[in-house]
Amino acid sequence: MKEKKIKYLMLGLFFDAIGMSSFLLPGIGEFFDLIWAPVAGWLMTRMYKGRIGQIAGVVAFIEELVPGLDWFPSFTLMWIYTFIFKREETGSLKELKE
């Protein structure tokens, strides 16, 4: 499980860096966002399965498509939700069952 967490964190940081890189290319960056937005949405749905992954995919797509929102680290925030907040919730339910 620890290896999966690290792998997903590294991938998320990398994908967020790709999305934010359009700030480095004034003028060209907006065109790059048109290509990256559907790719980011698709990658999000592949990394995180189920309904929450689909919602995160739509959020990532919109975040990359709307100008000025590239600073929002959607992949990293999804990792935090999945491996920190959701884990705590699961842990507390597990303790109640024992």
C-alpha atoms as a PDB file:
ATOM      1  CA  MET A   1       0.000   0.000   0.000  1.00  0.00           C
ATOM      2  CA  LYS A   2       2.858   2.381   0.827  1.00  0.00           C
ATOM      3  CA  GLU A   3       4.364   1.910  -2.647  1.00  0.00           C
ATOM      4  CA  LYS A   4       1.010   2.722  -4.264  1.00  0.00           C
ATOM      5  CA  LYS A   5       0.700   5.883  -2.171  1.00  0.00           C
ATOM      6  CA  ILE A   6       4.150   7.083  -3.192  1.00  0.00           C
ATOM      7  CA  LYS A   7       3.590   6.169  -6.845  1.00  0.00           C
ATOM      8  CA  TYR A   8       0.282   8.063  -6.963  1.00  0.00           C
ATOM      9  CA  LEU A   9       1.796  11.066  -5.182  1.00  0.00           C
ATOM     10  CA  MET A  10       4.709  11.252  -7.638  1.00  0.00           C
ATOM     11  CA  LEU A  11       2.374  10.875 -10.625  1.00  0.00           C
ATOM     12  CA  GLY A  12       0.030  13.514  -9.218  1.00  0.00           C
ATOM     13  CA  LEU A  13       2.847  15.997  -8.661  1.00  0.00           C
ATOM     14  CA  PHE A  14       4.127  15.326 -12.178  1.00  0.00           C
ATOM     15  CA  PHE A  15       0.689  15.783 -13.769  1.00  0.00           C
ATOM     16  CA  ASP A  16       0.076  18.973 -11.769  1.00  0.00           C
ATOM     17  CA  ALA A  17       3.463  20.280 -12.936  1.00  0.00           C
ATOM     18  CA  ILE A  18       2.485  19.575 -16.543  1.00  0.00           C
ATOM     19  CA  GLY A  19      -0.769  21.480 -16.072  1.00  0.00           C
ATOM     20  CA  MET A  20       0.982  24.418 -14.437  1.00  0.00           C
ATOM     21  CA  SER A  21       3.682  24.528 -17.121  1.00  0.00           C
ATOM     22  CA  SER A  22       1.352  26.445 -19.429  1.00  0.00           C
ATOM     23  CA  PHE A  23       2.160  29.527 -17.326  1.00  0.00           C
ATOM     24  CA  LEU A  24       5.697  29.294 -18.701  1.00  0.00           C
ATOM     25  CA  LEU A  25       4.513  29.624 -22.302  1.00  0.00           C
ATOM     26  CA  PRO A  26       2.549  32.871 -22.638  1.00  0.00           C
ATOM     27  CA  GLY A  27       0.189  32.709 -25.602  1.00  0.00           C
ATOM     28  CA  ILE A  28       1.005  29.090 -26.386  1.00  0.00           C
ATOM     29  CA  GLY A  29      -0.039  27.895 -22.934  1.00  0.00           C
ATOM     30  CA  GLU A  30      -3.743  28.443 -23.597  1.00  0.00           C
ATOM     31  CA  PHE A  31      -3.553  26.215 -26.681  1.00  0.00           C
ATOM     32  CA  PHE A  32      -1.678  23.591 -24.647  1.00  0.00           C
ATOM     33  CA  ASP A  33      -4.499  23.673 -22.064  1.00  0.00           C
ATOM     34  CA  LEU A  34      -7.005  22.713 -24.771  1.00  0.00           C
ATOM     35  CA  ILE A  35      -5.007  19.534 -25.353  1.00  0.00           C
ATOM     36  CA  TRP A  36      -4.084  18.860 -21.713  1.00  0.00           C
ATOM     37  CA  ALA A  37      -7.601  19.333 -20.235  1.00  0.00           C
ATOM     38  CA  PRO A  38      -9.161  16.130 -21.656  1.00  0.00           C
ATOM     39  CA  VAL A  39      -5.952  14.183 -21.009  1.00  0.00           C
ATOM     40  CA  ALA A  40      -5.899  15.331 -17.368  1.00  0.00           C
ATOM     41  CA  GLY A  41      -9.561  14.397 -16.914  1.00  0.00           C
ATOM     42  CA  TRP A  42      -8.978  10.958 -18.428  1.00  0.00           C
ATOM     43  CA  LEU A  43      -5.853  10.355 -16.322  1.00  0.00           C
ATOM     44  CA  MET A  44      -7.730  11.297 -13.159  1.00  0.00           C
ATOM     45  CA  THR A  45     -10.470   8.745 -13.897  1.00  0.00           C
ATOM     46  CA  ARG A  46      -7.837   6.053 -14.511  1.00  0.00           C
ATOM     47  CA  MET A  47      -5.924   6.780 -11.320  1.00  0.00           C
ATOM     48  CA  TYR A  48      -8.966   6.967  -9.042  1.00  0.00           C
ATOM     49  CA  LYS A  49     -11.768   4.540  -9.812  1.00  0.00           C
ATOM     50  CA  GLY A  50     -15.462   4.863  -9.117  1.00  0.00           C
ATOM     51  CA  ARG A  51     -17.766   7.814  -8.784  1.00  0.00           C
ATOM     52  CA  ILE A  52     -15.254   9.957  -6.903  1.00  0.00           C
ATOM     53  CA  GLY A  53     -12.716   9.433  -9.698  1.00  0.00           C
ATOM     54  CA  GLN A  54     -15.290  10.469 -12.289  1.00  0.00           C
ATOM     55  CA  ILE A  55     -16.104  13.625 -10.345  1.00  0.00           C
ATOM     56  CA  ALA A  56     -12.399  14.388  -9.928  1.00  0.00           C
ATOM     57  CA  GLY A  57     -11.912  13.839 -13.668  1.00  0.00           C
ATOM     58  CA  VAL A  58     -14.572  16.425 -14.479  1.00  0.00           C
ATOM     59  CA  VAL A  59     -13.041  18.864 -11.969  1.00  0.00           C
ATOM     60  CA  ALA A  60      -9.559  18.335 -13.464  1.00  0.00           C
ATOM     61  CA  PHE A  61     -10.939  18.849 -16.980  1.00  0.00           C
ATOM     62  CA  ILE A  62     -12.683  22.101 -16.054  1.00  0.00           C
ATOM     63  CA  GLU A  63      -9.737  23.321 -13.988  1.00  0.00           C
ATOM     64  CA  GLU A  64      -7.344  22.887 -16.906  1.00  0.00           C
ATOM     65  CA  LEU A  65      -9.754  24.330 -19.463  1.00  0.00           C
ATOM     66  CA  VAL A  66     -10.659  27.542 -17.614  1.00  0.00           C
ATOM     67  CA  PRO A  67      -7.952  30.204 -18.006  1.00  0.00           C
ATOM     68  CA  GLY A  68      -6.305  31.249 -14.754  1.00  0.00           C
ATOM     69  CA  LEU A  69      -7.063  28.079 -12.788  1.00  0.00           C
ATOM     70  CA  ASP A  70      -3.900  26.189 -13.739  1.00  0.00           C
ATOM     71  CA  TRP A  71      -2.413  26.870 -10.307  1.00  0.00           C
ATOM     72  CA  PHE A  72      -5.012  24.541  -8.699  1.00  0.00           C
ATOM     73  CA  PRO A  73      -3.235  21.199  -7.928  1.00  0.00           C
ATOM     74  CA  SER A  74      -6.158  18.876  -8.637  1.00  0.00           C
ATOM     75  CA  PHE A  75      -4.130  15.634  -8.756  1.00  0.00           C
ATOM     76  CA  THR A  76      -2.342  16.409  -5.494  1.00  0.00           C
ATOM     77  CA  LEU A  77      -5.569  17.383  -3.741  1.00  0.00           C
ATOM     78  CA  MET A  78      -7.213  14.160  -4.925  1.00  0.00           C
ATOM     79  CA  TRP A  79      -4.256  12.209  -3.523  1.00  0.00           C
ATOM     80  CA  ILE A  80      -4.654  13.985  -0.177  1.00  0.00           C
ATOM     81  CA  TYR A  81      -8.371  13.203  -0.145  1.00  0.00           C
ATOM     82  CA  THR A  82      -7.850   9.552  -1.096  1.00  0.00           C
ATOM     83  CA  PHE A  83      -4.887   8.622   1.074  1.00  0.00           C
ATOM     84  CA  ILE A  84      -5.277  10.933   4.081  1.00  0.00           C
ATOM     85  CA  PHE A  85      -8.883  12.010   4.652  1.00  0.00           C
ATOM     86  CA  LYS A  86     -10.596   8.918   3.288  1.00  0.00           C
ATOM     87  CA  ARG A  87      -8.151   6.669   5.158  1.00  0.00           C
ATOM     88  CA  GLU A  88      -8.984   8.291   8.470  1.00  0.00           C
ATOM     89  CA  GLU A  89     -12.683   7.752   7.818  1.00  0.00           C
ATOM     90  CA  THR A  90     -12.107   4.082   6.953  1.00  0.00           C
ATOM     91  CA  GLY A  91      -9.899   3.607  10.005  1.00  0.00           C
ATOM     92  CA  SER A  92     -12.538   4.943  12.366  1.00  0.00           C
ATOM     93  CA  LEU A  93     -15.218   2.686  10.871  1.00  0.00           C
ATOM     94  CA  LYS A  94     -12.881  -0.279  11.207  1.00  0.00           C
ATOM     95  CA  GLU A  95     -12.353   0.484  14.894  1.00  0.00           C
ATOM     96  CA  LEU A  96     -16.103   0.642  15.498  1.00  0.00           C
ATOM     97  CA  LYS A  97     -16.635  -2.820  13.993  1.00  0.00           C
ATOM     98  CA  GLU A  98     -14.032  -4.470  16.253  1.00  0.00           C
END
